[in-house]
Amino acid sequence: MELATIIVVIVVALVFDYTNGFHDAANAIATSIATRALTPRVALAMAAVMNLIGAFLGTEVASTVGSGIIDAPQGMSGLVVVLAALVGAITWNLITWWFGLPSSSSHALIGGLVGAALASAGGVQWNGVLEKVVIPMVVSPVVGFALAALLMTTILWIFRNRRPHRLTRGFRHAQTVSAAAMALGHGLQDAQKTMGVIVLALVVGGYHQGFEVPWWVVVLAAGALSAGTYAGGWRIMRTLGRRIIDLDPPRGFAAEATASAVLYTTAFAFAAPISTTQTITSSILGVGATKRLSAVRWGVAGNIVVAWVLTIPMAALAAALAFWALHALAV
């Protein structure tokens, strides 16, 4: 029975990974499509390939998600907790995707884990949640906004005497590189979160010791995220690429370069599961503010911030409801 449940958990985890891919596809490529640096299908194919490669670059974030957020009980009860967490995260992903809001799949998963653990009267590692989730959740958008604004200001100063047409054409080419870097960072960060949940399920089910990620888990998570990315997330792509600010290639490049740098730093230096969505959105806001404050559609930005704030508690609530329903069925 436990083996069958583990298989179900792995399948649902891969479904979450797939929704993560099409929900967050916009993170890597919306700016490049908006500035016409890349066509939509070329951008999606590139993002899918870079997501796949990025998933193989490390497992530090996976260890944080698997062992640093909750203390899941062993056996069937622990598997129900993990399954409920995934259901809660998928539910919130689909709701925000439907409304075109670029919320965080990462924080949906964290919220799902916390909500399911609390519903089961299990343990939550609050220090880990604070240090690895809450603090990075607050700091990374601020850093992304400030660095993107600084980089964009530097670009404007360096190229102040260049012809606008040549500058636009040059940065369209540069955006191919920055979009690829962003997609690589997305694969590095987000595929690992699914890896961590699958390993957690294997551990509580008694089929794995420690939190080292098996190679086959890496392959499955990488493949599901890449497939989801290629499926695209057009609703959110329109929000990020056009509704916040009318981007030009220099600003698109600055936003992507900044966001990818933040993703790499947090993954390798801090093993923190930060939100790629928050990082790229705050970077877009940062480069937009250098144009003029009125150029940013702050009403749209405000709706996005509301979705950010609601993600963890709402995913937690959905996961708690899922746990009680699954627990009742199991009993």
Protein backbone atom coordinates (compact mmCIF):
# COMPACT_ATOMS: atom_id res chain seq x y z
CA MET A 1 0.00 0.00 0.00
CA GLU A 2 2.78 2.42 0.89
CA LEU A 3 4.62 1.72 -2.37
CA ALA A 4 1.47 2.47 -4.36
CA THR A 5 1.03 5.71 -2.39
CA ILE A 6 4.65 6.71 -3.04
CA ILE A 7 4.09 6.21 -6.76
CA VAL A 8 0.96 8.39 -6.58
CA VAL A 9 2.92 11.08 -4.71
CA ILE A 10 5.70 11.01 -7.32
CA VAL A 11 3.16 11.33 -10.16
CA VAL A 12 1.41 14.24 -8.44
CA ALA A 13 4.80 15.86 -7.74
CA LEU A 14 5.58 15.68 -11.46
CA VAL A 15 2.17 17.21 -12.22
CA PHE A 16 3.09 20.06 -9.89
CA ASP A 17 6.44 20.35 -11.67
CA TYR A 18 4.63 20.53 -15.01
CA THR A 19 2.27 23.27 -13.75
CA ASN A 20 5.33 25.05 -12.36
CA GLY A 21 6.83 24.96 -15.85
CA PHE A 22 3.88 26.47 -17.73
CA HIS A 23 3.03 28.80 -14.83
CA ASP A 24 6.59 30.17 -14.68
CA ALA A 25 7.55 29.96 -18.36
CA ALA A 26 6.88 33.69 -18.50
CA ASN A 27 9.64 34.33 -15.99
CA ALA A 28 12.38 33.54 -18.49
CA ILE A 29 10.99 34.70 -21.80
CA ALA A 30 8.15 37.22 -21.41
CA THR A 31 10.51 40.18 -21.71
CA SER A 32 12.26 38.75 -24.78
CA ILE A 33 8.94 38.14 -26.52
CA ALA A 34 7.60 41.58 -25.54
CA THR A 35 10.64 43.31 -27.05
CA ARG A 36 10.55 41.01 -30.12
CA ALA A 37 14.04 39.75 -29.41
CA LEU A 38 12.70 36.21 -29.82
CA THR A 39 9.59 34.71 -31.38
CA PRO A 40 7.29 32.92 -28.92
CA ARG A 41 8.01 29.36 -30.09
CA VAL A 42 11.75 29.89 -30.35
CA ALA A 43 11.74 31.45 -26.88
CA LEU A 44 9.75 28.57 -25.41
CA ALA A 45 12.01 25.96 -26.99
CA MET A 46 15.11 27.73 -25.72
CA ALA A 47 13.62 28.08 -22.24
CA ALA A 48 12.66 24.39 -22.14
CA VAL A 49 16.19 23.31 -23.09
CA MET A 50 17.84 25.66 -20.58
CA ASN A 51 15.40 24.56 -17.85
CA LEU A 52 16.45 20.98 -18.54
CA ILE A 53 20.15 21.83 -18.29
CA GLY A 54 19.69 24.00 -15.20
CA ALA A 55 18.03 21.16 -13.30
CA PHE A 56 21.28 19.18 -13.41
CA LEU A 57 23.47 21.95 -11.94
CA GLY A 58 22.88 21.32 -8.24
CA THR A 59 20.72 19.84 -5.48
CA GLU A 60 21.32 22.22 -2.56
CA VAL A 61 17.85 23.77 -2.82
CA ALA A 62 16.31 20.28 -3.03
CA SER A 63 17.87 19.40 0.34
CA THR A 64 16.41 22.56 1.88
CA VAL A 65 12.90 21.74 0.65
CA GLY A 66 13.14 18.07 1.57
CA SER A 67 14.64 18.38 5.03
CA GLY A 68 14.52 22.02 6.15
CA ILE A 69 10.81 22.96 6.11
CA ILE A 70 8.75 20.31 7.91
CA ASP A 71 9.23 17.17 9.98
CA ALA A 72 6.93 14.74 8.20
CA PRO A 73 5.98 11.58 10.14
CA GLN A 74 7.09 8.21 8.83
CA GLY A 75 4.84 5.84 6.96
CA MET A 76 1.43 6.40 5.40
CA SER A 77 0.60 9.50 7.46
CA GLY A 78 3.76 11.22 6.20
CA LEU A 79 2.94 10.35 2.60
CA VAL A 80 -0.55 11.84 3.03
CA VAL A 81 1.08 15.06 4.30
CA VAL A 82 3.33 15.28 1.23
CA LEU A 83 0.46 14.46 -1.14
CA ALA A 84 -1.79 17.10 0.45
CA ALA A 85 1.01 19.68 0.19
CA LEU A 86 1.31 19.03 -3.54
CA VAL A 87 -2.45 19.23 -4.08
CA GLY A 88 -2.54 22.58 -2.27
CA ALA A 89 0.35 23.95 -4.34
CA ILE A 90 -1.18 22.77 -7.64
CA THR A 91 -4.54 24.28 -6.70
CA TRP A 92 -3.05 27.72 -6.04
CA ASN A 93 -0.91 27.53 -9.19
CA LEU A 94 -3.97 26.89 -11.32
CA ILE A 95 -6.01 29.65 -9.66
CA THR A 96 -3.32 32.29 -10.19
CA TRP A 97 -2.59 31.04 -13.72
CA TRP A 98 -6.28 31.41 -14.59
CA PHE A 99 -6.26 35.04 -13.48
CA GLY A 100 -2.90 35.71 -15.14
CA LEU A 101 -1.16 36.57 -11.87
CA PRO A 102 2.58 35.74 -11.68
CA SER A 103 2.55 34.24 -8.18
CA SER A 104 5.33 32.02 -6.86
CA SER A 105 5.16 28.26 -7.47
CA SER A 106 7.98 27.92 -4.97
CA HIS A 107 6.06 29.65 -2.21
CA ALA A 108 2.92 27.71 -3.14
CA LEU A 109 4.85 24.51 -2.48
CA ILE A 110 6.30 25.83 0.79
CA GLY A 111 2.85 26.96 1.88
CA GLY A 112 1.45 23.56 0.95
CA LEU A 113 4.06 21.77 3.06
CA VAL A 114 3.43 24.02 6.07
CA GLY A 115 -0.36 23.80 5.78
CA ALA A 116 -0.41 20.02 5.45
CA ALA A 117 2.03 19.64 8.35
CA LEU A 118 -0.06 21.87 10.61
CA ALA A 119 -3.28 20.06 9.64
CA SER A 120 -1.67 16.75 10.59
CA ALA A 121 -0.46 18.18 13.92
CA GLY A 122 3.05 17.58 12.63
CA GLY A 123 6.16 19.65 13.06
CA VAL A 124 7.12 22.74 11.10
CA GLN A 125 10.74 23.88 11.23
CA TRP A 126 9.93 27.55 11.76
CA ASN A 127 13.58 28.59 11.89
CA GLY A 128 14.10 27.00 8.48
CA VAL A 129 10.95 28.66 7.11
CA LEU A 130 12.12 32.03 8.43
CA GLU A 131 15.75 31.80 7.30
CA LYS A 132 15.29 29.97 3.98
CA VAL A 133 11.88 31.23 2.86
CA VAL A 134 10.54 34.36 4.57
CA ILE A 135 13.76 36.41 4.69
CA PRO A 136 14.73 35.59 1.06
CA MET A 137 11.10 36.24 0.05
CA VAL A 138 11.38 39.79 1.38
CA VAL A 139 15.00 40.49 0.46
CA SER A 140 15.22 39.07 -3.08
CA PRO A 141 12.58 41.37 -4.68
CA VAL A 142 14.16 44.41 -3.02
CA VAL A 143 17.61 43.39 -4.27
CA GLY A 144 16.21 42.61 -7.73
CA PHE A 145 14.50 46.01 -7.95
CA ALA A 146 17.57 47.95 -6.78
CA LEU A 147 20.14 46.07 -8.88
CA ALA A 148 17.98 46.22 -12.01
CA ALA A 149 17.51 49.97 -11.59
CA LEU A 150 21.26 50.40 -11.05
CA LEU A 151 22.17 48.27 -14.08
CA MET A 152 19.66 50.09 -16.28
CA THR A 153 20.98 53.48 -15.14
CA THR A 154 24.51 52.32 -15.97
CA ILE A 155 23.44 51.15 -19.44
CA LEU A 156 21.71 54.46 -20.12
CA TRP A 157 24.83 56.38 -19.14
CA ILE A 158 27.30 54.20 -21.08
CA PHE A 159 25.22 54.23 -24.28
CA ARG A 160 23.84 57.77 -23.96
CA ASN A 161 25.39 58.89 -27.26
CA ARG A 162 24.51 55.81 -29.33
CA ARG A 163 21.87 55.82 -32.01
CA PRO A 164 18.59 54.38 -30.64
CA HIS A 165 18.08 52.06 -33.64
CA ARG A 166 21.53 50.44 -33.34
CA LEU A 167 21.19 50.24 -29.57
CA THR A 168 17.85 48.46 -29.82
CA ARG A 169 19.17 45.97 -32.37
CA GLY A 170 22.26 45.22 -30.26
CA PHE A 171 20.29 44.61 -27.09
CA ARG A 172 17.85 42.36 -28.92
CA HIS A 173 20.81 40.05 -29.59
CA ALA A 174 21.99 40.43 -25.99
CA GLN A 175 18.56 39.42 -24.77
CA THR A 176 18.99 35.99 -26.33
CA VAL A 177 21.82 35.42 -23.87
CA SER A 178 20.07 37.00 -20.86
CA ALA A 179 16.85 35.06 -21.49
CA ALA A 180 18.85 31.83 -21.71
CA ALA A 181 20.58 32.71 -18.42
CA MET A 182 17.20 33.37 -16.80
CA ALA A 183 15.80 30.04 -18.02
CA LEU A 184 18.89 28.25 -16.73
CA GLY A 185 18.38 29.86 -13.32
CA HIS A 186 14.71 28.85 -13.35
CA GLY A 187 15.70 25.23 -13.99
CA LEU A 188 18.34 25.41 -11.27
CA GLN A 189 15.87 26.73 -8.70
CA ASP A 190 12.47 25.28 -9.49
CA ALA A 191 13.24 21.73 -10.60
CA GLN A 192 15.07 21.21 -7.31
CA LYS A 193 11.93 21.96 -5.30
CA THR A 194 10.13 19.03 -6.89
CA MET A 195 13.21 16.86 -6.37
CA GLY A 196 13.14 17.73 -2.67
CA VAL A 197 9.48 16.74 -2.30
CA ILE A 198 9.99 13.43 -4.10
CA VAL A 199 12.98 12.59 -1.89
CA LEU A 200 10.93 13.55 1.19
CA ALA A 201 8.23 11.09 0.08
CA LEU A 202 10.83 8.36 -0.44
CA VAL A 203 12.31 9.01 3.01
CA VAL A 204 9.02 8.97 4.93
CA GLY A 205 7.95 5.92 2.96
CA GLY A 206 11.11 4.07 4.01
CA TYR A 207 12.57 3.72 0.50
CA HIS A 208 15.48 6.13 0.85
CA GLN A 209 18.03 7.14 3.49
CA GLY A 210 19.23 10.73 3.83
CA PHE A 211 18.33 13.56 1.45
CA GLU A 212 20.78 13.00 -1.38
CA VAL A 213 18.83 13.21 -4.63
CA PRO A 214 18.91 10.02 -6.78
CA TRP A 215 19.78 10.53 -10.45
CA TRP A 216 16.39 9.26 -11.65
CA VAL A 217 14.60 11.88 -9.53
CA VAL A 218 16.71 14.60 -11.19
CA VAL A 219 15.82 13.26 -14.64
CA LEU A 220 12.08 13.07 -13.90
CA ALA A 221 11.91 16.54 -12.33
CA ALA A 222 13.97 18.11 -15.10
CA GLY A 223 11.83 16.52 -17.80
CA ALA A 224 8.50 17.53 -16.26
CA LEU A 225 9.58 21.14 -15.71
CA SER A 226 10.97 21.39 -19.23
CA ALA A 227 7.79 19.94 -20.77
CA GLY A 228 5.64 22.35 -18.78
CA THR A 229 7.77 25.28 -19.86
CA TYR A 230 7.40 24.38 -23.52
CA ALA A 231 3.62 24.23 -23.05
CA GLY A 232 3.82 27.91 -22.20
CA GLY A 233 1.84 30.14 -19.84
CA TRP A 234 0.42 32.80 -22.12
CA ARG A 235 -1.86 34.47 -19.58
CA ILE A 236 1.01 35.26 -17.21
CA MET A 237 3.34 36.04 -20.11
CA ARG A 238 1.08 38.91 -21.15
CA THR A 239 1.11 40.29 -17.60
CA LEU A 240 4.87 40.23 -17.23
CA GLY A 241 5.72 41.24 -20.78
CA ARG A 242 3.22 43.99 -21.49
CA ARG A 243 0.87 44.91 -18.64
CA ILE A 244 3.45 46.09 -16.06
CA ILE A 245 5.48 48.29 -18.43
CA ASP A 246 6.14 48.63 -22.15
CA LEU A 247 9.63 47.14 -22.29
CA ASP A 248 12.36 47.92 -24.80
CA PRO A 249 15.36 45.59 -25.44
CA PRO A 250 17.86 47.40 -23.12
CA ARG A 251 15.39 47.24 -20.23
CA GLY A 252 14.49 43.63 -21.04
CA PHE A 253 18.17 42.70 -20.98
CA ALA A 254 18.78 44.52 -17.68
CA ALA A 255 15.80 42.83 -16.01
CA GLU A 256 16.78 39.33 -17.16
CA ALA A 257 20.47 39.74 -16.35
CA THR A 258 19.69 40.98 -12.84
CA ALA A 259 17.11 38.30 -12.08
CA SER A 260 19.34 35.45 -13.26
CA ALA A 261 22.24 36.73 -11.13
CA VAL A 262 20.00 36.75 -8.04
CA LEU A 263 18.79 33.20 -8.78
CA TYR A 264 22.33 31.82 -9.11
CA THR A 265 23.55 33.56 -5.97
CA THR A 266 20.72 32.35 -3.75
CA ALA A 267 20.89 28.78 -5.07
CA PHE A 268 24.65 28.26 -4.81
CA ALA A 269 25.54 30.51 -1.88
CA PHE A 270 22.49 30.14 0.39
CA ALA A 271 20.57 27.04 -0.87
CA ALA A 272 17.45 29.20 -0.54
CA PRO A 273 14.33 28.30 -2.56
CA ILE A 274 13.49 31.80 -3.77
CA SER A 275 10.77 32.76 -6.20
CA THR A 276 11.83 33.22 -9.80
CA THR A 277 8.53 35.02 -10.33
CA GLN A 278 9.18 37.61 -7.65
CA THR A 279 12.75 38.08 -8.80
CA ILE A 280 11.98 38.80 -12.45
CA THR A 281 8.89 40.89 -11.65
CA SER A 282 10.78 43.12 -9.22
CA SER A 283 13.58 43.46 -11.77
CA ILE A 284 11.07 44.58 -14.41
CA LEU A 285 9.70 47.13 -11.95
CA GLY A 286 13.25 48.31 -11.27
CA VAL A 287 14.12 48.93 -14.91
CA GLY A 288 10.71 50.51 -15.47
CA ALA A 289 11.25 53.01 -12.68
CA THR A 290 14.34 54.36 -14.45
CA LYS A 291 12.16 55.46 -17.37
CA ARG A 292 9.76 57.38 -15.15
CA LEU A 293 7.65 56.27 -12.23
CA SER A 294 4.44 56.83 -14.19
CA ALA A 295 5.65 54.38 -16.86
CA VAL A 296 5.01 51.51 -14.44
CA ARG A 297 1.39 50.42 -14.18
CA TRP A 298 1.39 50.34 -10.40
CA GLY A 299 -2.18 49.03 -10.22
CA VAL A 300 -1.10 45.83 -11.99
CA ALA A 301 2.00 45.69 -9.81
CA GLY A 302 -0.20 46.03 -6.73
CA ASN A 303 -2.33 43.06 -7.80
CA ILE A 304 0.83 41.02 -8.22
CA VAL A 305 2.05 41.96 -4.74
CA VAL A 306 -1.33 40.90 -3.28
CA ALA A 307 -0.90 37.51 -4.99
CA TRP A 308 2.60 37.24 -3.51
CA VAL A 309 1.32 37.94 0.01
CA LEU A 310 -1.58 35.50 -0.32
CA THR A 311 0.38 32.63 -1.88
CA ILE A 312 1.79 30.94 1.23
CA PRO A 313 -1.35 31.20 3.42
CA MET A 314 -3.77 30.28 0.62
CA ALA A 315 -1.68 27.31 -0.54
CA ALA A 316 -1.41 26.29 3.12
CA LEU A 317 -5.20 26.45 3.48
CA ALA A 318 -5.74 24.43 0.30
CA ALA A 319 -3.21 21.84 1.51
CA ALA A 320 -4.86 21.62 4.93
CA LEU A 321 -8.25 21.00 3.33
CA ALA A 322 -6.69 18.40 1.05
CA PHE A 323 -5.06 16.68 4.05
CA TRP A 324 -8.33 16.43 5.96
CA ALA A 325 -10.07 15.04 2.87
CA LEU A 326 -7.32 12.51 2.14
CA HIS A 327 -7.08 11.53 5.81
CA ALA A 328 -10.81 10.89 5.92
CA LEU A 329 -10.56 8.69 2.83
CA ALA A 330 -7.59 6.79 4.27
CA VAL A 331 -9.44 6.11 7.49
